[in-house]
Amino acid sequence: MQFIDLAEIEVEAGQGGDGMVAFRREKYVPAGGPAGGNGGRGGSIFLQGAQHLQTLLDFKYTRHFKAENGKRGGPNNCTGAAGRDRTIELPCGTVIYDADTNELLGDLVEAGQRICIAQGGKGGLGNKHFLSNRNRAPELALPGLPGEVRRLRLELKLLAEVGIIGLPNAGKSTLITSLSSARPKVANYPFTTLVPNLGVVRKPTGDGTVFADIPGLIAGAHAGVGLGHDFLRHIERTRLLVHLIDLTGVDPIADYHTIQAELGAYGQDLLSRPQIIALNKVDAAAVEIREMAIAELTHLTSAPIFPISAVAHRGLEPFLQAVWDALDRVRDSSTRV
């Protein structure tokens, strides 16, 4: 399935039905008076979070959504039928903006969460509302009001507690494959991963946490270089970042600085997010390189550092325990706040 995390659509709520001009005409009722009913309200547009959707692919080709118009008022003071509302399902994690004003309109973070994004128009008044002492037979009714029309920008931000970041070919996809049942494409060249991958990593107790492999981060990603600018938004919801560094790279310390600089340049307080450093591919790197990298990183950051091998499954248990402990601390602090 193609992964689409940005879309622009137009929604149009239904127009209210027109009011009616009618008079009561019954035997033995010589002065029945006005009896035109009001028009029905137009249908509204609702957005709703859906668990079964993982992408905005449905909105790549279908971009206009319209609710039903209200029906015209009837005789005998009958109000016209209301137009049917329209509900548009979106993946959980979708943020909705007004495409014209850039105003944040909503954030769907839970399945079943529902917001009204465009209000249907009110029905017009029938002539019964214009009866007065001066006008006993009004022949005036009002048209229904138009429904709201909005252009929306949809941004999908993955709902994952742990984000795995690092330069291309650091082994992010291999790590999420080793920890979960996710099976992303893995190959021995950069930019194998072109879309974020999600995997549920389970504790020994059975409950799990969603990990996200964030692809495409390189120098200049925050400014639109490479793929990273497209996917940095997916880190915004994470509670914890796992910074994966390739020990077989040319300069692991420079790689660390590159990713940290991109997080700082992107903003959204990503640098203040708790981090765990994972030095990957220890099975293929010299011991001296590993020890030197640990020593230098210890001076650069207070984040815990773990040498691991995702492909050989080395060092994963203490690394995962540190992830669980860090998540517990973050959850406790957020609960106290």
Foldseek 3Di string as FASTA:
>chain_A
DDAAFKAKAKEWWAWWAWWAWDFDDDPPCPQRFTFIAWWAWTAFEKEFAAAVDDHPVVRPPHHYYYWYYTHYTDGRHRYTHYTHHHYDYDHAQKWKAFPVPRHTDDHRHDGGDMDTDKGTWHTKGYCVVVDDPVDRRDRDIGGTGTIDMTMMMIGGADQFQEEEDFAFQLCLQLQLVLQFVDDQDDDRDGPSDQQKDWGWGADPVGDTGIYIYFHFQFACVLVPPTRNVVGVSNCLNYQEYEYRFELPDPDRVVRVVRVLVSLVVNDSCSNVRAYAYEYEDPVPHDPVSVVVVVVVVVVVDPHHYFYAYSNVGGRVVVVVVVVVVSVVVSVVVVVVD
